[in-house]
Amino acid sequence: MNKETIKVPEKGTYQWQLFDYWSDEFRHTHADHSAYIALNFAGVLDACRNKFHSLIQHHSQHLCDAKGGKRHSRAIARLQNTMSGAAMSYETCFRRSAA
């Protein structure tokens, strides 16, 4: 698996302050819109979306494995509970309601 890290804004910048505020808001409320806003302010929404989808796809391919199916199912659940997962969930719901 690729261990590429996603870069957030430089500490002390205005973008960092916004990211910090909204990521704290997400940690306390687990609100999908807070995660979306935080990643958007950080300028990493596309990178998070790509990484999230590739990880979900990887684990989905292994769901049917007799040995590791449950482990991959738990990994998908953990991914969906991350800030990236919440942001992608919000984005999906927002697109559905706008259509």
PDB file of N, CA and C in Angstrom:
ATOM      1  N   MET A   1       0.835  -1.190   0.000  1.00  0.00           N
ATOM      2  CA  MET A   1       0.000   0.000   0.000  1.00  0.00           C
ATOM      3  C   MET A   1       0.871   1.241   0.000  1.00  0.00           C
ATOM      4  N   ASN A   2       0.367   2.260  -0.631  1.00  0.00           N
ATOM      5  CA  ASN A   2       1.084   3.517  -0.740  1.00  0.00           C
ATOM      6  C   ASN A   2       0.967   4.291   0.579  1.00  0.00           C
ATOM      7  N   LYS A   3       2.087   4.712   1.133  1.00  0.00           N
ATOM      8  CA  LYS A   3       2.101   5.429   2.419  1.00  0.00           C
ATOM      9  C   LYS A   3       2.283   6.936   2.220  1.00  0.00           C
ATOM     10  N   GLU A   4       1.840   7.442   1.093  1.00  0.00           N
ATOM     11  CA  GLU A   4       1.971   8.862   0.782  1.00  0.00           C
ATOM     12  C   GLU A   4       1.137   9.694   1.757  1.00  0.00           C
ATOM     13  N   THR A   5       1.760  10.713   2.347  1.00  0.00           N
ATOM     14  CA  THR A   5       1.041  11.557   3.293  1.00  0.00           C
ATOM     15  C   THR A   5       0.418  12.738   2.558  1.00  0.00           C
ATOM     16  N   ILE A   6      -0.659  13.229   3.118  1.00  0.00           N
ATOM     17  CA  ILE A   6      -1.352  14.384   2.552  1.00  0.00           C
ATOM     18  C   ILE A   6      -0.912  15.604   3.337  1.00  0.00           C
ATOM     19  N   LYS A   7      -0.432  16.602   2.628  1.00  0.00           N
ATOM     20  CA  LYS A   7       0.093  17.799   3.285  1.00  0.00           C
ATOM     21  C   LYS A   7      -1.040  18.767   3.640  1.00  0.00           C
ATOM     22  N   VAL A   8      -0.983  19.295   4.840  1.00  0.00           N
ATOM     23  CA  VAL A   8      -1.943  20.310   5.284  1.00  0.00           C
ATOM     24  C   VAL A   8      -1.240  21.669   5.251  1.00  0.00           C
ATOM     25  N   PRO A   9      -1.985  22.763   5.403  1.00  0.00           N
ATOM     26  CA  PRO A   9      -1.358  24.088   5.350  1.00  0.00           C
ATOM     27  C   PRO A   9      -0.257  24.255   6.398  1.00  0.00           C
ATOM     28  N   GLU A  10       0.660  25.131   6.094  1.00  0.00           N
ATOM     29  CA  GLU A  10       1.772  25.413   7.015  1.00  0.00           C
ATOM     30  C   GLU A  10       1.218  26.016   8.304  1.00  0.00           C
ATOM     31  N   LYS A  11       1.739  25.519   9.419  1.00  0.00           N
ATOM     32  CA  LYS A  11       1.280  25.977  10.727  1.00  0.00           C
ATOM     33  C   LYS A  11       1.501  27.480  10.870  1.00  0.00           C
ATOM     34  N   GLY A  12       0.510  28.154  11.436  1.00  0.00           N
ATOM     35  CA  GLY A  12       0.603  29.588  11.664  1.00  0.00           C
ATOM     36  C   GLY A  12      -0.043  30.426  10.570  1.00  0.00           C
ATOM     37  N   THR A  13      -0.337  29.820   9.411  1.00  0.00           N
ATOM     38  CA  THR A  13      -0.979  30.569   8.329  1.00  0.00           C
ATOM     39  C   THR A  13      -2.482  30.666   8.599  1.00  0.00           C
ATOM     40  N   TYR A  14      -3.132  31.562   7.887  1.00  0.00           N
ATOM     41  CA  TYR A  14      -4.576  31.724   8.024  1.00  0.00           C
ATOM     42  C   TYR A  14      -5.298  30.435   7.641  1.00  0.00           C
ATOM     43  N   GLN A  15      -4.841  29.780   6.561  1.00  0.00           N
ATOM     44  CA  GLN A  15      -5.439  28.510   6.156  1.00  0.00           C
ATOM     45  C   GLN A  15      -5.308  27.469   7.255  1.00  0.00           C
ATOM     46  N   TRP A  16      -4.149  27.447   7.920  1.00  0.00           N
ATOM     47  CA  TRP A  16      -3.946  26.499   9.022  1.00  0.00           C
ATOM     48  C   TRP A  16      -4.938  26.770  10.155  1.00  0.00           C
ATOM     49  N   GLN A  17      -5.148  28.048  10.484  1.00  0.00           N
ATOM     50  CA  GLN A  17      -6.073  28.397  11.561  1.00  0.00           C
ATOM     51  C   GLN A  17      -7.491  27.921  11.244  1.00  0.00           C
ATOM     52  N   LEU A  18      -7.915  28.121   9.982  1.00  0.00           N
ATOM     53  CA  LEU A  18      -9.242  27.657   9.576  1.00  0.00           C
ATOM     54  C   LEU A  18      -9.337  26.134   9.629  1.00  0.00           C
ATOM     55  N   PHE A  19      -8.293  25.477   9.117  1.00  0.00           N
ATOM     56  CA  PHE A  19      -8.259  24.018   9.138  1.00  0.00           C
ATOM     57  C   PHE A  19      -8.305  23.510  10.576  1.00  0.00           C
ATOM     58  N   ASP A  20      -7.513  24.122  11.443  1.00  0.00           N
ATOM     59  CA  ASP A  20      -7.447  23.721  12.848  1.00  0.00           C
ATOM     60  C   ASP A  20      -8.805  23.890  13.527  1.00  0.00           C
ATOM     61  N   TYR A  21      -9.456  25.017  13.273  1.00  0.00           N
ATOM     62  CA  TYR A  21     -10.768  25.282  13.868  1.00  0.00           C
ATOM     63  C   TYR A  21     -11.785  24.232  13.435  1.00  0.00           C
ATOM     64  N   TRP A  22     -11.879  24.009  12.125  1.00  0.00           N
ATOM     65  CA  TRP A  22     -12.900  23.089  11.624  1.00  0.00           C
ATOM     66  C   TRP A  22     -12.563  21.632  11.914  1.00  0.00           C
ATOM     67  N   SER A  23     -11.285  21.276  11.967  1.00  0.00           N
ATOM     68  CA  SER A  23     -10.945  19.890  12.314  1.00  0.00           C
ATOM     69  C   SER A  23     -11.249  19.633  13.790  1.00  0.00           C
ATOM     70  N   ASP A  24     -11.039  20.637  14.649  1.00  0.00           N
ATOM     71  CA  ASP A  24     -11.439  20.510  16.061  1.00  0.00           C
ATOM     72  C   ASP A  24     -12.951  20.370  16.171  1.00  0.00           C
ATOM     73  N   GLU A  25     -13.652  21.164  15.369  1.00  0.00           N
ATOM     74  CA  GLU A  25     -15.117  21.098  15.352  1.00  0.00           C
ATOM     75  C   GLU A  25     -15.571  19.690  14.962  1.00  0.00           C
ATOM     76  N   PHE A  26     -14.900  19.101  13.974  1.00  0.00           N
ATOM     77  CA  PHE A  26     -15.248  17.737  13.559  1.00  0.00           C
ATOM     78  C   PHE A  26     -14.985  16.753  14.688  1.00  0.00           C
ATOM     79  N   ARG A  27     -13.847  16.881  15.360  1.00  0.00           N
ATOM     80  CA  ARG A  27     -13.503  15.953  16.441  1.00  0.00           C
ATOM     81  C   ARG A  27     -14.554  15.974  17.557  1.00  0.00           C
ATOM     82  N   HIS A  28     -15.113  17.152  17.814  1.00  0.00           N
ATOM     83  CA  HIS A  28     -16.079  17.273  18.910  1.00  0.00           C
ATOM     84  C   HIS A  28     -17.495  16.885  18.498  1.00  0.00           C
ATOM     85  N   THR A  29     -17.851  17.162  17.252  1.00  0.00           N
ATOM     86  CA  THR A  29     -19.242  16.944  16.832  1.00  0.00           C
ATOM     87  C   THR A  29     -19.417  15.797  15.851  1.00  0.00           C
ATOM     88  N   HIS A  30     -18.347  15.380  15.200  1.00  0.00           N
ATOM     89  CA  HIS A  30     -18.388  14.366  14.135  1.00  0.00           C
ATOM     90  C   HIS A  30     -19.347  14.777  13.021  1.00  0.00           C
ATOM     91  N   ALA A  31     -19.468  16.091  12.792  1.00  0.00           N
ATOM     92  CA  ALA A  31     -20.340  16.596  11.739  1.00  0.00           C
ATOM     93  C   ALA A  31     -19.631  16.498  10.391  1.00  0.00           C
ATOM     94  N   ASP A  32     -20.308  15.876   9.436  1.00  0.00           N
ATOM     95  CA  ASP A  32     -19.724  15.678   8.113  1.00  0.00           C
ATOM     96  C   ASP A  32     -19.348  16.994   7.445  1.00  0.00           C
ATOM     97  N   HIS A  33     -20.185  18.019   7.628  1.00  0.00           N
ATOM     98  CA  HIS A  33     -19.890  19.296   6.974  1.00  0.00           C
ATOM     99  C   HIS A  33     -18.623  19.932   7.545  1.00  0.00           C
ATOM    100  N   SER A  34     -18.341  19.709   8.826  1.00  0.00           N
ATOM    101  CA  SER A  34     -17.115  20.255   9.424  1.00  0.00           C
ATOM    102  C   SER A  34     -15.878  19.611   8.806  1.00  0.00           C
ATOM    103  N   ALA A  35     -15.951  18.309   8.574  1.00  0.00           N
ATOM    104  CA  ALA A  35     -14.830  17.614   7.938  1.00  0.00           C
ATOM    105  C   ALA A  35     -14.620  18.129   6.525  1.00  0.00           C
ATOM    106  N   TYR A  36     -15.716  18.317   5.811  1.00  0.00           N
ATOM    107  CA  TYR A  36     -15.636  18.810   4.435  1.00  0.00           C
ATOM    108  C   TYR A  36     -14.998  20.199   4.402  1.00  0.00           C
ATOM    109  N   ILE A  37     -15.444  21.073   5.283  1.00  0.00           N
ATOM    110  CA  ILE A  37     -14.916  22.438   5.336  1.00  0.00           C
ATOM    111  C   ILE A  37     -13.437  22.435   5.707  1.00  0.00           C
ATOM    112  N   ALA A  38     -13.057  21.629   6.702  1.00  0.00           N
ATOM    113  CA  ALA A  38     -11.661  21.578   7.138  1.00  0.00           C
ATOM    114  C   ALA A  38     -10.748  21.133   6.006  1.00  0.00           C
ATOM    115  N   LEU A  39     -11.106  20.050   5.323  1.00  0.00           N
ATOM    116  CA  LEU A  39     -10.263  19.549   4.235  1.00  0.00           C
ATOM    117  C   LEU A  39     -10.248  20.516   3.059  1.00  0.00           C
ATOM    118  N   ASN A  40     -11.370  21.190   2.834  1.00  0.00           N
ATOM    119  CA  ASN A  40     -11.426  22.174   1.757  1.00  0.00           C
ATOM    120  C   ASN A  40     -10.518  23.365   2.069  1.00  0.00           C
ATOM    121  N   PHE A  41     -10.563  23.868   3.300  1.00  0.00           N
ATOM    122  CA  PHE A  41      -9.684  24.974   3.689  1.00  0.00           C
ATOM    123  C   PHE A  41      -8.213  24.572   3.627  1.00  0.00           C
ATOM    124  N   ALA A  42      -7.929  23.325   3.914  1.00  0.00           N
ATOM    125  CA  ALA A  42      -6.542  22.852   3.878  1.00  0.00           C
ATOM    126  C   ALA A  42      -6.052  22.670   2.450  1.00  0.00           C
ATOM    127  N   GLY A  43      -6.969  22.655   1.505  1.00  0.00           N
ATOM    128  CA  GLY A  43      -6.590  22.472   0.113  1.00  0.00           C
ATOM    129  C   GLY A  43      -6.242  21.027  -0.211  1.00  0.00           C
ATOM    130  N   VAL A  44      -6.753  20.080   0.570  1.00  0.00           N
ATOM    131  CA  VAL A  44      -6.401  18.671   0.371  1.00  0.00           C
ATOM    132  C   VAL A  44      -7.628  17.800   0.091  1.00  0.00           C
ATOM    133  N   LEU A  45      -8.735  18.419  -0.226  1.00  0.00           N
ATOM    134  CA  LEU A  45      -9.964  17.657  -0.435  1.00  0.00           C
ATOM    135  C   LEU A  45      -9.807  16.632  -1.557  1.00  0.00           C
ATOM    136  N   ASP A  46      -9.231  17.041  -2.691  1.00  0.00           N
ATOM    137  CA  ASP A  46      -9.052  16.110  -3.812  1.00  0.00           C
ATOM    138  C   ASP A  46      -8.110  14.969  -3.448  1.00  0.00           C
ATOM    139  N   ALA A  47      -7.017  15.291  -2.781  1.00  0.00           N
ATOM    140  CA  ALA A  47      -6.060  14.248  -2.383  1.00  0.00           C
ATOM    141  C   ALA A  47      -6.705  13.273  -1.406  1.00  0.00           C
ATOM    142  N   CYS A  48      -7.492  13.787  -0.456  1.00  0.00           N
ATOM    143  CA  CYS A  48      -8.174  12.923   0.511  1.00  0.00           C
ATOM    144  C   CYS A  48      -9.223  12.058  -0.181  1.00  0.00           C
ATOM    145  N   ARG A  49      -9.946  12.653  -1.123  1.00  0.00           N
ATOM    146  CA  ARG A  49     -10.959  11.911  -1.858  1.00  0.00           C
ATOM    147  C   ARG A  49     -10.318  10.747  -2.615  1.00  0.00           C
ATOM    148  N   ASN A  50      -9.222  11.022  -3.314  1.00  0.00           N
ATOM    149  CA  ASN A  50      -8.544   9.986  -4.092  1.00  0.00           C
ATOM    150  C   ASN A  50      -8.009   8.870  -3.204  1.00  0.00           C
ATOM    151  N   LYS A  51      -7.377   9.265  -2.103  1.00  0.00           N
ATOM    152  CA  LYS A  51      -6.813   8.262  -1.196  1.00  0.00           C
ATOM    153  C   LYS A  51      -7.921   7.440  -0.543  1.00  0.00           C
ATOM    154  N   PHE A  52      -8.980   8.103  -0.116  1.00  0.00           N
ATOM    155  CA  PHE A  52     -10.103   7.425   0.513  1.00  0.00           C
ATOM    156  C   PHE A  52     -10.713   6.395  -0.440  1.00  0.00           C
ATOM    157  N   HIS A  53     -10.980   6.814  -1.681  1.00  0.00           N
ATOM    158  CA  HIS A  53     -11.592   5.903  -2.647  1.00  0.00           C
ATOM    159  C   HIS A  53     -10.679   4.730  -2.993  1.00  0.00           C
ATOM    160  N   SER A  54      -9.388   4.964  -3.098  1.00  0.00           N
ATOM    161  CA  SER A  54      -8.471   3.858  -3.407  1.00  0.00           C
ATOM    162  C   SER A  54      -8.389   2.869  -2.242  1.00  0.00           C
ATOM    163  N   LEU A  55      -8.406   3.371  -1.004  1.00  0.00           N
ATOM    164  CA  LEU A  55      -8.390   2.471   0.150  1.00  0.00           C
ATOM    165  C   LEU A  55      -9.687   1.677   0.268  1.00  0.00           C
ATOM    166  N   ILE A  56     -10.818   2.339   0.035  1.00  0.00           N
ATOM    167  CA  ILE A  56     -12.106   1.648   0.070  1.00  0.00           C
ATOM    168  C   ILE A  56     -12.142   0.565  -1.007  1.00  0.00           C
ATOM    169  N   GLN A  57     -11.661   0.901  -2.200  1.00  0.00           N
ATOM    170  CA  GLN A  57     -11.642  -0.064  -3.291  1.00  0.00           C
ATOM    171  C   GLN A  57     -10.755  -1.264  -2.937  1.00  0.00           C
ATOM    172  N   HIS A  58      -9.587  -0.998  -2.364  1.00  0.00           N
ATOM    173  CA  HIS A  58      -8.675  -2.070  -1.974  1.00  0.00           C
ATOM    174  C   HIS A  58      -9.344  -3.022  -0.982  1.00  0.00           C
ATOM    175  N   HIS A  59      -9.962  -2.455   0.039  1.00  0.00           N
ATOM    176  CA  HIS A  59     -10.589  -3.297   1.059  1.00  0.00           C
ATOM    177  C   HIS A  59     -11.849  -3.989   0.526  1.00  0.00           C
ATOM    178  N   SER A  60     -12.582  -3.328  -0.361  1.00  0.00           N
ATOM    179  CA  SER A  60     -13.780  -3.937  -0.939  1.00  0.00           C
ATOM    180  C   SER A  60     -13.436  -5.166  -1.771  1.00  0.00           C
ATOM    181  N   GLN A  61     -12.293  -5.136  -2.443  1.00  0.00           N
ATOM    182  CA  GLN A  61     -11.877  -6.273  -3.261  1.00  0.00           C
ATOM    183  C   GLN A  61     -11.612  -7.510  -2.408  1.00  0.00           C
ATOM    184  N   HIS A  62     -11.290  -7.314  -1.146  1.00  0.00           N
ATOM    185  CA  HIS A  62     -10.939  -8.425  -0.274  1.00  0.00           C
ATOM    186  C   HIS A  62     -12.049  -8.817   0.708  1.00  0.00           C
ATOM    187  N   LEU A  63     -13.234  -8.233   0.556  1.00  0.00           N
ATOM    188  CA  LEU A  63     -14.340  -8.538   1.467  1.00  0.00           C
ATOM    189  C   LEU A  63     -14.779  -9.995   1.392  1.00  0.00           C
ATOM    190  N   CYS A  64     -14.670 -10.596   0.236  1.00  0.00           N
ATOM    191  CA  CYS A  64     -15.142 -11.975   0.049  1.00  0.00           C
ATOM    192  C   CYS A  64     -14.127 -13.020   0.505  1.00  0.00           C
ATOM    193  N   ASP A  65     -12.922 -12.596   0.865  1.00  0.00           N
ATOM    194  CA  ASP A  65     -11.911 -13.546   1.332  1.00  0.00           C
ATOM    195  C   ASP A  65     -12.395 -14.239   2.600  1.00  0.00           C
ATOM    196  N   ALA A  66     -12.244 -15.550   2.626  1.00  0.00           N
ATOM    197  CA  ALA A  66     -12.685 -16.311   3.804  1.00  0.00           C
ATOM    198  C   ALA A  66     -11.891 -15.933   5.042  1.00  0.00           C
ATOM    199  N   LYS A  67     -10.587 -15.720   4.871  1.00  0.00           N
ATOM    200  CA  LYS A  67      -9.735 -15.425   6.036  1.00  0.00           C
ATOM    201  C   LYS A  67      -9.878 -13.977   6.519  1.00  0.00           C
ATOM    202  N   GLY A  68      -9.778 -13.028   5.607  1.00  0.00           N
ATOM    203  CA  GLY A  68      -9.679 -11.635   6.032  1.00  0.00           C
ATOM    204  C   GLY A  68     -10.890 -10.775   5.765  1.00  0.00           C
ATOM    205  N   GLY A  69     -12.008 -11.366   5.389  1.00  0.00           N
ATOM    206  CA  GLY A  69     -13.198 -10.585   5.054  1.00  0.00           C
ATOM    207  C   GLY A  69     -13.672  -9.682   6.177  1.00  0.00           C
ATOM    208  N   LYS A  70     -13.723 -10.218   7.384  1.00  0.00           N
ATOM    209  CA  LYS A  70     -14.186  -9.412   8.529  1.00  0.00           C
ATOM    210  C   LYS A  70     -13.215  -8.280   8.824  1.00  0.00           C
ATOM    211  N   ARG A  71     -11.922  -8.562   8.680  1.00  0.00           N
ATOM    212  CA  ARG A  71     -10.906  -7.540   8.934  1.00  0.00           C
ATOM    213  C   ARG A  71     -11.042  -6.391   7.929  1.00  0.00           C
ATOM    214  N   HIS A  72     -11.293  -6.731   6.669  1.00  0.00           N
ATOM    215  CA  HIS A  72     -11.456  -5.689   5.646  1.00  0.00           C
ATOM    216  C   HIS A  72     -12.760  -4.918   5.850  1.00  0.00           C
ATOM    217  N   SER A  73     -13.772  -5.589   6.330  1.00  0.00           N
ATOM    218  CA  SER A  73     -15.034  -4.920   6.641  1.00  0.00           C
ATOM    219  C   SER A  73     -14.834  -3.907   7.765  1.00  0.00           C
ATOM    220  N   ARG A  74     -14.072  -4.294   8.800  1.00  0.00           N
ATOM    221  CA  ARG A  74     -13.771  -3.362   9.895  1.00  0.00           C
ATOM    222  C   ARG A  74     -12.925  -2.196   9.398  1.00  0.00           C
ATOM    223  N   ALA A  75     -12.007  -2.474   8.477  1.00  0.00           N
ATOM    224  CA  ALA A  75     -11.163  -1.399   7.926  1.00  0.00           C
ATOM    225  C   ALA A  75     -12.009  -0.387   7.166  1.00  0.00           C
ATOM    226  N   ILE A  76     -12.998  -0.855   6.420  1.00  0.00           N
ATOM    227  CA  ILE A  76     -13.896   0.055   5.694  1.00  0.00           C
ATOM    228  C   ILE A  76     -14.689   0.902   6.689  1.00  0.00           C
ATOM    229  N   ALA A  77     -15.184   0.286   7.742  1.00  0.00           N
ATOM    230  CA  ALA A  77     -15.938   1.033   8.763  1.00  0.00           C
ATOM    231  C   ALA A  77     -15.062   2.099   9.409  1.00  0.00           C
ATOM    232  N   ARG A  78     -13.802   1.757   9.703  1.00  0.00           N
ATOM    233  CA  ARG A  78     -12.887   2.745  10.295  1.00  0.00           C
ATOM    234  C   ARG A  78     -12.622   3.892   9.315  1.00  0.00           C
ATOM    235  N   LEU A  79     -12.435   3.572   8.036  1.00  0.00           N
ATOM    236  CA  LEU A  79     -12.207   4.611   7.033  1.00  0.00           C
ATOM    237  C   LEU A  79     -13.398   5.561   6.943  1.00  0.00           C
ATOM    238  N   GLN A  80     -14.595   5.015   7.013  1.00  0.00           N
ATOM    239  CA  GLN A  80     -15.793   5.845   6.916  1.00  0.00           C
ATOM    240  C   GLN A  80     -15.962   6.750   8.134  1.00  0.00           C
ATOM    241  N   ASN A  81     -15.322   6.418   9.236  1.00  0.00           N
ATOM    242  CA  ASN A  81     -15.397   7.242  10.442  1.00  0.00           C
ATOM    243  C   ASN A  81     -14.279   8.278  10.526  1.00  0.00           C
ATOM    244  N   THR A  82     -13.428   8.345   9.529  1.00  0.00           N
ATOM    245  CA  THR A  82     -12.362   9.345   9.522  1.00  0.00           C
ATOM    246  C   THR A  82     -12.899  10.672   8.999  1.00  0.00           C
ATOM    247  N   MET A  83     -12.086  11.698   9.108  1.00  0.00           N
ATOM    248  CA  MET A  83     -12.469  13.004   8.590  1.00  0.00           C
ATOM    249  C   MET A  83     -12.672  12.934   7.079  1.00  0.00           C
ATOM    250  N   SER A  84     -11.822  12.188   6.377  1.00  0.00           N
ATOM    251  CA  SER A  84     -11.974  12.039   4.922  1.00  0.00           C
ATOM    252  C   SER A  84     -13.285  11.340   4.584  1.00  0.00           C
ATOM    253  N   GLY A  85     -13.592  10.280   5.325  1.00  0.00           N
ATOM    254  CA  GLY A  85     -14.835   9.558   5.085  1.00  0.00           C
ATOM    255  C   GLY A  85     -16.055  10.426   5.317  1.00  0.00           C
ATOM    256  N   ALA A  86     -16.012  11.224   6.370  1.00  0.00           N
ATOM    257  CA  ALA A  86     -17.127  12.119   6.672  1.00  0.00           C
ATOM    258  C   ALA A  86     -17.281  13.174   5.580  1.00  0.00           C
ATOM    259  N   ALA A  87     -16.167  13.697   5.103  1.00  0.00           N
ATOM    260  CA  ALA A  87     -16.211  14.710   4.045  1.00  0.00           C
ATOM    261  C   ALA A  87     -16.783  14.125   2.762  1.00  0.00           C
ATOM    262  N   MET A  88     -16.385  12.904   2.427  1.00  0.00           N
ATOM    263  CA  MET A  88     -16.897  12.274   1.212  1.00  0.00           C
ATOM    264  C   MET A  88     -18.393  11.963   1.360  1.00  0.00           C
ATOM    265  N   SER A  89     -18.814  11.589   2.555  1.00  0.00           N
ATOM    266  CA  SER A  89     -20.222  11.330   2.819  1.00  0.00           C
ATOM    267  C   SER A  89     -21.034  12.613   2.645  1.00  0.00           C
ATOM    268  N   TYR A  90     -20.526  13.709   3.195  1.00  0.00           N
ATOM    269  CA  TYR A  90     -21.205  15.000   3.060  1.00  0.00           C
ATOM    270  C   TYR A  90     -21.296  15.405   1.599  1.00  0.00           C
ATOM    271  N   GLU A  91     -20.191  15.247   0.879  1.00  0.00           N
ATOM    272  CA  GLU A  91     -20.150  15.620  -0.531  1.00  0.00           C
ATOM    273  C   GLU A  91     -21.176  14.802  -1.330  1.00  0.00           C
ATOM    274  N   THR A  92     -21.276  13.519  -1.037  1.00  0.00           N
ATOM    275  CA  THR A  92     -22.219  12.648  -1.727  1.00  0.00           C
ATOM    276  C   THR A  92     -23.661  13.076  -1.442  1.00  0.00           C
ATOM    277  N   CYS A  93     -23.973  13.341  -0.176  1.00  0.00           N
ATOM    278  CA  CYS A  93     -25.320  13.774   0.205  1.00  0.00           C
ATOM    279  C   CYS A  93     -25.651  15.135  -0.406  1.00  0.00           C
ATOM    280  N   PHE A  94     -24.656  16.028  -0.422  1.00  0.00           N
ATOM    281  CA  PHE A  94     -24.864  17.366  -0.976  1.00  0.00           C
ATOM    282  C   PHE A  94     -25.173  17.277  -2.470  1.00  0.00           C
ATOM    283  N   ARG A  95     -24.466  16.419  -3.168  1.00  0.00           N
ATOM    284  CA  ARG A  95     -24.696  16.259  -4.612  1.00  0.00           C
ATOM    285  C   ARG A  95     -26.076  15.687  -4.876  1.00  0.00           C
ATOM    286  N   ARG A  96     -26.519  14.731  -4.034  1.00  0.00           N
ATOM    287  CA  ARG A  96     -27.847  14.129  -4.211  1.00  0.00           C
ATOM    288  C   ARG A  96     -28.964  15.149  -4.006  1.00  0.00           C
ATOM    289  N   SER A  97     -28.807  16.002  -2.981  1.00  0.00           N
ATOM    290  CA  SER A  97     -29.845  16.978  -2.680  1.00  0.00           C
ATOM    291  C   SER A  97     -29.866  18.120  -3.703  1.00  0.00           C
ATOM    292  N   ALA A  98     -28.727  18.384  -4.338  1.00  0.00           N
ATOM    293  CA  ALA A  98     -28.656  19.457  -5.327  1.00  0.00           C
ATOM    294  C   ALA A  98     -29.235  19.011  -6.671  1.00  0.00           C
ATOM    295  N   ALA A  99     -29.288  17.717  -6.887  1.00  0.00           N
ATOM    296  CA  ALA A  99     -29.769  17.199  -8.188  1.00  0.00           C
ATOM    297  C   ALA A  99     -31.277  17.187  -8.290  1.00  0.00           C
TER     298      ALA A  99
END
